[in-house]
Amino acid sequence: MPFRQAHEASGKAVFMAETKGVALNQLSLQELQTIRFGPPSPHAVSYWVGLCAWRPGWLAPWPNSSSLCSPLFLSDVNRVWDYGHSVEQYGALGGTARSSIDWQIRQVRALLRAQQA
């Protein structure tokens, strides 16, 4: 999903949680699946049509609109609200995962030792 649409969907989730007076992780999967996005870019249309080829039922018309609607949030959504998992998923160079941070710290320490020698 393009970043713009992901940002829209997450913003709507935050708004829903604030409106209900609950934390994001307290929204049910059913509540989250009422969140829609649109209108989609041509790339998103192609992406969703491709998904429908192997996940029938994902593509449906938005009522009174030409937008797409889909269950943006699946049963694994709770992993998104898990801060530890969110941090650990970025293990690339410069990422936030513990392994990446440890590597960066070792690099800086080695650089400092080399400069002090």
N, C-alpha and C. Protein backbone atom coordinates (compact mmCIF):
# COMPACT_ATOMS: atom_id res chain seq x y z
N MET A 1 0.84 -1.17 0.00
CA MET A 1 0.00 0.00 0.00
C MET A 1 0.89 1.23 0.00
N PRO A 2 0.61 2.20 -0.85
CA PRO A 2 1.41 3.43 -0.86
C PRO A 2 1.35 4.14 0.49
N PHE A 3 2.44 4.83 0.82
CA PHE A 3 2.56 5.50 2.11
C PHE A 3 1.38 6.44 2.36
N ARG A 4 0.98 7.19 1.35
CA ARG A 4 -0.10 8.17 1.51
C ARG A 4 -1.38 7.49 2.01
N GLN A 5 -1.69 6.34 1.45
CA GLN A 5 -2.91 5.63 1.86
C GLN A 5 -2.73 4.99 3.25
N ALA A 6 -1.54 4.49 3.53
CA ALA A 6 -1.27 3.93 4.87
C ALA A 6 -1.39 5.03 5.92
N HIS A 7 -0.88 6.20 5.60
CA HIS A 7 -0.96 7.33 6.52
C HIS A 7 -2.41 7.73 6.75
N GLU A 8 -3.20 7.73 5.68
CA GLU A 8 -4.62 8.05 5.80
C GLU A 8 -5.34 7.03 6.69
N ALA A 9 -5.08 5.76 6.45
CA ALA A 9 -5.74 4.70 7.22
C ALA A 9 -5.34 4.77 8.69
N SER A 10 -4.05 4.98 8.96
CA SER A 10 -3.62 5.05 10.36
C SER A 10 -4.18 6.29 11.04
N GLY A 11 -4.27 7.40 10.31
CA GLY A 11 -4.88 8.60 10.87
C GLY A 11 -6.33 8.39 11.23
N LYS A 12 -7.04 7.65 10.38
CA LYS A 12 -8.44 7.34 10.67
C LYS A 12 -8.55 6.43 11.89
N ALA A 13 -7.60 5.53 12.06
CA ALA A 13 -7.61 4.65 13.25
C ALA A 13 -7.39 5.48 14.51
N VAL A 14 -6.46 6.43 14.45
CA VAL A 14 -6.20 7.31 15.60
C VAL A 14 -7.46 8.12 15.91
N PHE A 15 -8.09 8.66 14.87
CA PHE A 15 -9.31 9.44 15.07
C PHE A 15 -10.40 8.59 15.71
N MET A 16 -10.55 7.36 15.23
CA MET A 16 -11.56 6.46 15.78
C MET A 16 -11.30 6.20 17.26
N ALA A 17 -10.03 5.92 17.59
CA ALA A 17 -9.68 5.65 18.99
C ALA A 17 -9.94 6.87 19.86
N GLU A 18 -9.56 8.05 19.38
CA GLU A 18 -9.77 9.27 20.16
C GLU A 18 -11.27 9.54 20.34
N THR A 19 -12.05 9.32 19.28
CA THR A 19 -13.50 9.53 19.35
C THR A 19 -14.14 8.61 20.38
N LYS A 20 -13.64 7.38 20.46
CA LYS A 20 -14.19 6.40 21.40
C LYS A 20 -13.56 6.53 22.80
N GLY A 21 -12.50 7.33 22.90
CA GLY A 21 -11.83 7.51 24.19
C GLY A 21 -11.04 6.29 24.62
N VAL A 22 -10.47 5.57 23.65
CA VAL A 22 -9.69 4.37 23.97
C VAL A 22 -8.32 4.45 23.29
N ALA A 23 -7.42 3.58 23.71
CA ALA A 23 -6.11 3.48 23.07
C ALA A 23 -6.26 2.71 21.76
N LEU A 24 -5.34 2.91 20.84
CA LEU A 24 -5.39 2.21 19.55
C LEU A 24 -5.49 0.70 19.72
N ASN A 25 -4.72 0.17 20.66
CA ASN A 25 -4.72 -1.29 20.81
C ASN A 25 -6.00 -1.82 21.45
N GLN A 26 -6.91 -0.93 21.81
CA GLN A 26 -8.19 -1.36 22.37
C GLN A 26 -9.30 -1.39 21.32
N LEU A 27 -9.01 -0.95 20.09
CA LEU A 27 -9.99 -1.05 19.01
C LEU A 27 -10.04 -2.50 18.55
N SER A 28 -11.23 -3.00 18.32
CA SER A 28 -11.37 -4.38 17.86
C SER A 28 -11.02 -4.48 16.38
N LEU A 29 -10.71 -5.67 15.96
CA LEU A 29 -10.44 -5.91 14.54
C LEU A 29 -11.64 -5.50 13.70
N GLN A 30 -12.83 -5.79 14.17
CA GLN A 30 -14.04 -5.43 13.44
C GLN A 30 -14.17 -3.92 13.29
N GLU A 31 -13.84 -3.18 14.35
CA GLU A 31 -13.88 -1.71 14.26
C GLU A 31 -12.86 -1.20 13.25
N LEU A 32 -11.65 -1.74 13.32
CA LEU A 32 -10.60 -1.30 12.41
C LEU A 32 -10.94 -1.62 10.96
N GLN A 33 -11.63 -2.73 10.73
CA GLN A 33 -11.96 -3.11 9.37
C GLN A 33 -13.05 -2.25 8.75
N THR A 34 -13.65 -1.34 9.53
CA THR A 34 -14.60 -0.40 8.95
C THR A 34 -13.89 0.79 8.32
N ILE A 35 -12.59 0.92 8.56
CA ILE A 35 -11.82 2.04 8.02
C ILE A 35 -11.59 1.81 6.53
N ARG A 36 -11.85 2.84 5.75
CA ARG A 36 -11.71 2.78 4.30
C ARG A 36 -10.72 3.85 3.85
N PHE A 37 -10.24 3.70 2.65
CA PHE A 37 -9.36 4.71 2.08
C PHE A 37 -9.83 5.03 0.68
N GLY A 38 -9.36 6.15 0.15
CA GLY A 38 -9.70 6.47 -1.23
C GLY A 38 -9.58 7.96 -1.47
N PRO A 39 -9.65 8.39 -2.71
CA PRO A 39 -9.64 7.53 -3.90
C PRO A 39 -8.25 6.97 -4.14
N PRO A 40 -8.14 5.81 -4.70
CA PRO A 40 -6.83 5.17 -4.87
C PRO A 40 -6.08 5.69 -6.09
N SER A 41 -4.78 5.54 -6.04
CA SER A 41 -3.96 5.85 -7.21
C SER A 41 -4.07 4.70 -8.20
N PRO A 42 -3.69 4.92 -9.46
CA PRO A 42 -3.72 3.81 -10.44
C PRO A 42 -2.87 2.63 -9.98
N HIS A 43 -1.74 2.91 -9.29
CA HIS A 43 -0.88 1.84 -8.78
C HIS A 43 -1.63 1.02 -7.74
N ALA A 44 -2.38 1.70 -6.86
CA ALA A 44 -3.13 1.00 -5.82
C ALA A 44 -4.21 0.13 -6.43
N VAL A 45 -4.87 0.62 -7.47
CA VAL A 45 -5.90 -0.17 -8.14
C VAL A 45 -5.28 -1.45 -8.67
N SER A 46 -4.14 -1.32 -9.33
CA SER A 46 -3.44 -2.48 -9.88
C SER A 46 -3.06 -3.44 -8.76
N TYR A 47 -2.57 -2.91 -7.66
CA TYR A 47 -2.16 -3.72 -6.51
C TYR A 47 -3.35 -4.50 -5.96
N TRP A 48 -4.47 -3.81 -5.69
CA TRP A 48 -5.63 -4.47 -5.11
C TRP A 48 -6.24 -5.48 -6.07
N VAL A 49 -6.26 -5.17 -7.37
CA VAL A 49 -6.79 -6.12 -8.34
C VAL A 49 -5.92 -7.37 -8.34
N GLY A 50 -4.60 -7.19 -8.24
CA GLY A 50 -3.68 -8.33 -8.15
C GLY A 50 -3.94 -9.16 -6.91
N LEU A 51 -4.20 -8.50 -5.78
CA LEU A 51 -4.50 -9.22 -4.55
C LEU A 51 -5.77 -10.04 -4.70
N CYS A 52 -6.74 -9.45 -5.39
CA CYS A 52 -8.03 -10.14 -5.54
C CYS A 52 -7.89 -11.42 -6.35
N ALA A 53 -6.85 -11.50 -7.14
CA ALA A 53 -6.65 -12.71 -7.94
C ALA A 53 -6.41 -13.91 -7.04
N TRP A 54 -5.79 -13.69 -5.88
CA TRP A 54 -5.53 -14.82 -4.99
C TRP A 54 -6.21 -14.67 -3.64
N ARG A 55 -6.86 -13.55 -3.37
CA ARG A 55 -7.64 -13.37 -2.13
C ARG A 55 -9.01 -12.82 -2.50
N PRO A 56 -9.88 -13.63 -3.07
CA PRO A 56 -11.19 -13.15 -3.50
C PRO A 56 -11.94 -12.47 -2.36
N GLY A 57 -12.70 -11.47 -2.71
CA GLY A 57 -13.50 -10.77 -1.72
C GLY A 57 -12.83 -9.55 -1.13
N TRP A 58 -11.57 -9.29 -1.47
CA TRP A 58 -10.88 -8.14 -0.92
C TRP A 58 -11.29 -6.84 -1.59
N LEU A 59 -11.80 -6.91 -2.78
CA LEU A 59 -12.11 -5.71 -3.53
C LEU A 59 -13.61 -5.53 -3.59
N ALA A 60 -14.08 -4.39 -3.16
CA ALA A 60 -15.52 -4.11 -3.21
C ALA A 60 -15.71 -2.62 -3.40
N PRO A 61 -16.76 -2.22 -4.06
CA PRO A 61 -16.97 -0.78 -4.25
C PRO A 61 -17.34 -0.08 -2.96
N TRP A 62 -16.83 1.10 -2.78
CA TRP A 62 -17.19 1.91 -1.64
C TRP A 62 -18.59 2.46 -1.92
N PRO A 63 -19.51 2.38 -0.98
CA PRO A 63 -20.85 2.89 -1.22
C PRO A 63 -20.84 4.36 -1.63
N ASN A 64 -21.55 4.68 -2.68
CA ASN A 64 -21.70 6.05 -3.18
C ASN A 64 -20.38 6.69 -3.57
N SER A 65 -19.43 5.90 -4.03
CA SER A 65 -18.12 6.45 -4.40
C SER A 65 -17.44 5.52 -5.37
N SER A 66 -16.42 6.06 -6.02
CA SER A 66 -15.64 5.23 -6.93
C SER A 66 -14.39 4.70 -6.25
N SER A 67 -14.26 4.89 -4.95
CA SER A 67 -13.09 4.44 -4.21
C SER A 67 -13.13 2.94 -3.98
N LEU A 68 -12.03 2.42 -3.53
CA LEU A 68 -11.95 1.01 -3.15
C LEU A 68 -12.10 0.90 -1.64
N CYS A 69 -12.63 -0.19 -1.20
CA CYS A 69 -12.62 -0.46 0.22
C CYS A 69 -12.14 -1.88 0.41
N SER A 70 -11.52 -2.12 1.53
CA SER A 70 -10.97 -3.44 1.79
C SER A 70 -10.69 -3.57 3.27
N PRO A 71 -10.53 -4.78 3.77
CA PRO A 71 -10.10 -4.92 5.17
C PRO A 71 -8.61 -4.60 5.26
N LEU A 72 -8.32 -3.32 5.50
CA LEU A 72 -6.92 -2.89 5.59
C LEU A 72 -6.22 -3.52 6.78
N PHE A 73 -7.00 -3.83 7.78
CA PHE A 73 -6.45 -4.38 9.00
C PHE A 73 -6.84 -5.85 9.08
N LEU A 74 -5.83 -6.70 9.22
CA LEU A 74 -6.07 -8.14 9.32
C LEU A 74 -5.81 -8.59 10.76
N SER A 75 -5.94 -9.86 11.01
CA SER A 75 -5.84 -10.37 12.37
C SER A 75 -4.47 -10.13 13.02
N ASP A 76 -3.45 -9.83 12.21
CA ASP A 76 -2.12 -9.57 12.77
C ASP A 76 -1.91 -8.11 13.16
N VAL A 77 -2.98 -7.30 13.15
CA VAL A 77 -2.85 -5.87 13.43
C VAL A 77 -2.29 -5.60 14.82
N ASN A 78 -2.52 -6.49 15.77
CA ASN A 78 -2.00 -6.26 17.11
C ASN A 78 -0.49 -6.16 17.15
N ARG A 79 0.18 -6.76 16.17
CA ARG A 79 1.65 -6.63 16.12
C ARG A 79 2.06 -5.19 15.86
N VAL A 80 1.21 -4.44 15.15
CA VAL A 80 1.52 -3.04 14.86
C VAL A 80 1.52 -2.22 16.15
N TRP A 81 0.59 -2.54 17.05
CA TRP A 81 0.48 -1.77 18.28
C TRP A 81 1.51 -2.21 19.33
N ASP A 82 2.24 -3.27 19.07
CA ASP A 82 3.28 -3.76 19.96
C ASP A 82 4.55 -2.96 19.67
N TYR A 83 4.89 -2.04 20.57
CA TYR A 83 6.03 -1.15 20.32
C TYR A 83 7.33 -1.91 20.14
N GLY A 84 7.52 -2.97 20.93
CA GLY A 84 8.74 -3.77 20.79
C GLY A 84 8.87 -4.35 19.40
N HIS A 85 7.78 -4.91 18.88
CA HIS A 85 7.79 -5.46 17.53
C HIS A 85 8.01 -4.36 16.50
N SER A 86 7.37 -3.22 16.69
CA SER A 86 7.52 -2.12 15.74
C SER A 86 8.97 -1.66 15.64
N VAL A 87 9.64 -1.60 16.77
CA VAL A 87 11.05 -1.19 16.78
C VAL A 87 11.93 -2.28 16.17
N GLU A 88 11.70 -3.52 16.55
CA GLU A 88 12.55 -4.62 16.13
C GLU A 88 12.42 -4.98 14.65
N GLN A 89 11.39 -4.53 13.97
CA GLN A 89 11.22 -4.90 12.58
C GLN A 89 12.18 -4.18 11.64
N TYR A 90 12.87 -3.16 12.14
CA TYR A 90 13.79 -2.40 11.29
C TYR A 90 15.24 -2.73 11.65
N GLY A 91 15.71 -3.85 11.11
CA GLY A 91 17.04 -4.32 11.42
C GLY A 91 18.10 -3.92 10.41
N ALA A 92 17.73 -3.14 9.42
CA ALA A 92 18.68 -2.71 8.40
C ALA A 92 19.64 -1.68 8.98
N LEU A 93 20.70 -1.40 8.25
CA LEU A 93 21.68 -0.39 8.65
C LEU A 93 20.97 0.92 8.97
N GLY A 94 21.16 1.43 10.16
CA GLY A 94 20.50 2.66 10.58
C GLY A 94 19.11 2.44 11.14
N GLY A 95 18.68 1.18 11.21
CA GLY A 95 17.35 0.86 11.71
C GLY A 95 17.26 0.94 13.22
N THR A 96 16.06 0.70 13.72
CA THR A 96 15.79 0.85 15.15
C THR A 96 15.88 -0.46 15.93
N ALA A 97 16.06 -1.58 15.25
CA ALA A 97 16.16 -2.87 15.96
C ALA A 97 17.37 -2.88 16.88
N ARG A 98 17.26 -3.62 17.96
CA ARG A 98 18.36 -3.68 18.94
C ARG A 98 19.66 -4.11 18.28
N SER A 99 19.60 -5.09 17.39
CA SER A 99 20.82 -5.56 16.71
C SER A 99 21.45 -4.43 15.89
N SER A 100 20.63 -3.62 15.25
CA SER A 100 21.16 -2.50 14.47
C SER A 100 21.77 -1.44 15.37
N ILE A 101 21.10 -1.13 16.46
CA ILE A 101 21.62 -0.14 17.41
C ILE A 101 22.92 -0.62 18.02
N ASP A 102 22.99 -1.89 18.43
CA ASP A 102 24.22 -2.45 18.99
C ASP A 102 25.36 -2.35 17.99
N TRP A 103 25.09 -2.66 16.72
CA TRP A 103 26.13 -2.57 15.70
C TRP A 103 26.61 -1.13 15.55
N GLN A 104 25.66 -0.18 15.55
CA GLN A 104 26.03 1.23 15.42
C GLN A 104 26.87 1.70 16.61
N ILE A 105 26.53 1.25 17.79
CA ILE A 105 27.30 1.62 18.98
C ILE A 105 28.71 1.06 18.87
N ARG A 106 28.84 -0.20 18.45
CA ARG A 106 30.18 -0.79 18.28
C ARG A 106 31.00 0.00 17.27
N GLN A 107 30.37 0.44 16.18
CA GLN A 107 31.08 1.20 15.16
C GLN A 107 31.57 2.54 15.71
N VAL A 108 30.74 3.23 16.47
CA VAL A 108 31.12 4.52 17.04
C VAL A 108 32.23 4.33 18.07
N ARG A 109 32.11 3.29 18.90
CA ARG A 109 33.16 3.04 19.90
C ARG A 109 34.49 2.73 19.22
N ALA A 110 34.45 1.94 18.18
CA ALA A 110 35.69 1.63 17.44
C ALA A 110 36.28 2.89 16.83
N LEU A 111 35.45 3.75 16.29
CA LEU A 111 35.92 5.00 15.71
C LEU A 111 36.54 5.89 16.78
N LEU A 112 35.92 5.98 17.96
CA LEU A 112 36.46 6.77 19.04
C LEU A 112 37.80 6.22 19.54
N ARG A 113 37.88 4.87 19.66
CA ARG A 113 39.16 4.26 20.07
C ARG A 113 40.25 4.56 19.05
N ALA A 114 39.91 4.50 17.78
CA ALA A 114 40.90 4.77 16.72
C ALA A 114 41.37 6.23 16.77
N GLN A 115 40.48 7.15 17.08
CA GLN A 115 40.83 8.57 17.16
C GLN A 115 41.66 8.88 18.40
N GLN A 116 41.47 8.10 19.47
CA GLN A 116 42.20 8.33 20.70
C GLN A 116 43.60 7.71 20.66
N ALA A 117 43.80 6.78 19.76
CA ALA A 117 45.09 6.08 19.67
C ALA A 117 46.14 6.93 19.01
